[in-house]
């Protein structure tokens, strides 16, 4: 039976305590990509206790208030490589179970 055809409570009851801790979705390139990934967030929230999203400030507003997101991280591209390294160090310290790009 596909998971899409059962509700979240039933899935959690049948899967036991198999949820992993944390997943990160990364979309920095275009609004269309950000919008398309939102359909996957519901499914990810079934498998992960926390679903985080990394995007640029210009796209973060499209994700605000999404019920399946635990946190929205923003990376300002104008900070260049040093900004990317700083963001990477912060994100790596959170020990992700999965990262989706």
Protein backbone atom coordinates (compact mmCIF):
# COMPACT_ATOMS: atom_id res chain seq x y z
CA UNK A 1 0.00 0.00 0.00
CA UNK A 2 1.55 3.36 -0.95
CA UNK A 3 2.13 5.67 1.99
CA UNK A 4 0.19 8.39 0.23
CA UNK A 5 -2.99 6.38 0.72
CA UNK A 6 -2.78 6.14 4.53
CA UNK A 7 -2.83 8.94 7.01
CA UNK A 8 0.11 9.99 9.16
CA UNK A 9 -1.25 8.52 12.40
CA UNK A 10 -1.68 5.11 10.83
CA UNK A 11 1.82 5.29 9.33
CA UNK A 12 3.37 6.14 12.70
CA UNK A 13 1.40 3.40 14.46
CA UNK A 14 2.57 0.76 12.00
CA UNK A 15 6.17 1.94 11.72
CA UNK A 16 6.86 1.99 15.45
CA UNK A 17 9.43 4.51 16.51
CA UNK A 18 11.40 4.48 13.27
CA UNK A 19 11.39 8.23 12.65
CA UNK A 20 14.83 9.67 12.13
CA UNK A 21 15.79 12.88 13.79
CA UNK A 22 16.55 15.49 11.14
CA UNK A 23 16.46 16.14 7.36
CA UNK A 24 17.63 19.13 5.36
CA UNK A 25 16.26 20.24 1.98
CA UNK A 26 18.47 22.62 -0.01
CA UNK A 27 17.12 24.76 -2.87
CA UNK A 28 19.03 27.91 -3.73
CA UNK A 29 18.60 28.32 -7.47
CA UNK A 30 15.05 29.21 -8.47
CA UNK A 31 11.58 29.87 -7.13
CA UNK A 32 10.17 27.10 -9.32
CA UNK A 33 12.45 24.56 -7.65
CA UNK A 34 11.41 25.80 -4.20
CA UNK A 35 7.71 25.54 -5.06
CA UNK A 36 8.12 22.04 -6.52
CA UNK A 37 9.88 20.74 -3.39
CA UNK A 38 7.00 21.77 -1.13
CA UNK A 39 5.00 18.74 -2.27
CA UNK A 40 7.71 16.45 -0.86
CA UNK A 41 7.74 18.09 2.58
CA UNK A 42 4.60 16.28 3.79
CA UNK A 43 6.18 12.93 2.95
CA UNK A 44 9.48 13.86 4.56
CA UNK A 45 7.71 14.87 7.75
CA UNK A 46 6.43 11.30 8.06
CA UNK A 47 9.99 9.97 8.22
CA UNK A 48 11.78 12.75 10.09
CA UNK A 49 11.03 14.47 13.38
CA UNK A 50 12.47 17.70 12.00
CA UNK A 51 12.52 18.91 8.40
CA UNK A 52 14.68 21.99 7.78
CA UNK A 53 14.99 23.99 4.57
CA UNK A 54 17.94 26.02 3.26
CA UNK A 55 17.18 28.65 0.65
CA UNK A 56 17.92 32.27 -0.17
CA UNK A 57 16.17 35.15 1.63
CA UNK A 58 14.22 35.99 -1.53
CA UNK A 59 12.54 32.54 -1.53
CA UNK A 60 12.17 32.03 2.23
CA UNK A 61 8.87 33.91 2.32
CA UNK A 62 7.28 31.24 0.12
CA UNK A 63 8.04 28.66 2.82
CA UNK A 64 7.06 30.67 5.91
CA UNK A 65 4.31 28.98 7.89
CA UNK A 66 4.61 25.62 6.13
CA UNK A 67 3.31 23.10 8.68
CA UNK A 68 5.91 20.45 7.80
CA UNK A 69 8.97 22.65 8.29
CA UNK A 70 10.78 22.89 11.60
CA UNK A 71 13.18 25.63 10.52
CA UNK A 72 14.02 27.73 7.47
CA UNK A 73 17.68 28.62 7.02
CA UNK A 74 18.70 31.38 4.63
CA UNK A 75 21.96 31.85 2.79
CA UNK A 76 22.73 35.21 1.25
CA UNK A 77 24.63 34.53 -1.97
CA UNK A 78 26.35 37.92 -1.78
CA UNK A 79 28.38 36.66 1.22
CA UNK A 80 30.32 34.53 -1.23
CA UNK A 81 32.47 31.55 -0.40
CA UNK A 82 33.24 32.65 3.17
CA UNK A 83 29.52 32.99 3.90
CA UNK A 84 28.88 29.58 2.39
CA UNK A 85 31.62 28.05 4.58
CA UNK A 86 30.17 29.67 7.71
CA UNK A 87 26.69 28.41 6.85
CA UNK A 88 28.13 24.97 6.11
CA UNK A 89 29.85 24.81 9.50
CA UNK A 90 26.63 25.69 11.30
CA UNK A 91 24.59 23.16 9.34
CA UNK A 92 27.19 20.38 9.66
CA UNK A 93 27.12 20.76 13.43
CA UNK A 94 23.46 19.64 13.42
CA UNK A 95 24.29 16.09 12.28
CA UNK A 96 21.66 15.44 9.58
CA UNK A 97 20.19 12.00 8.96
CA UNK A 98 19.53 13.03 5.33
CA UNK A 99 20.21 15.96 3.04
CA UNK A 100 18.22 16.52 -0.15
CA UNK A 101 19.46 18.88 -2.86
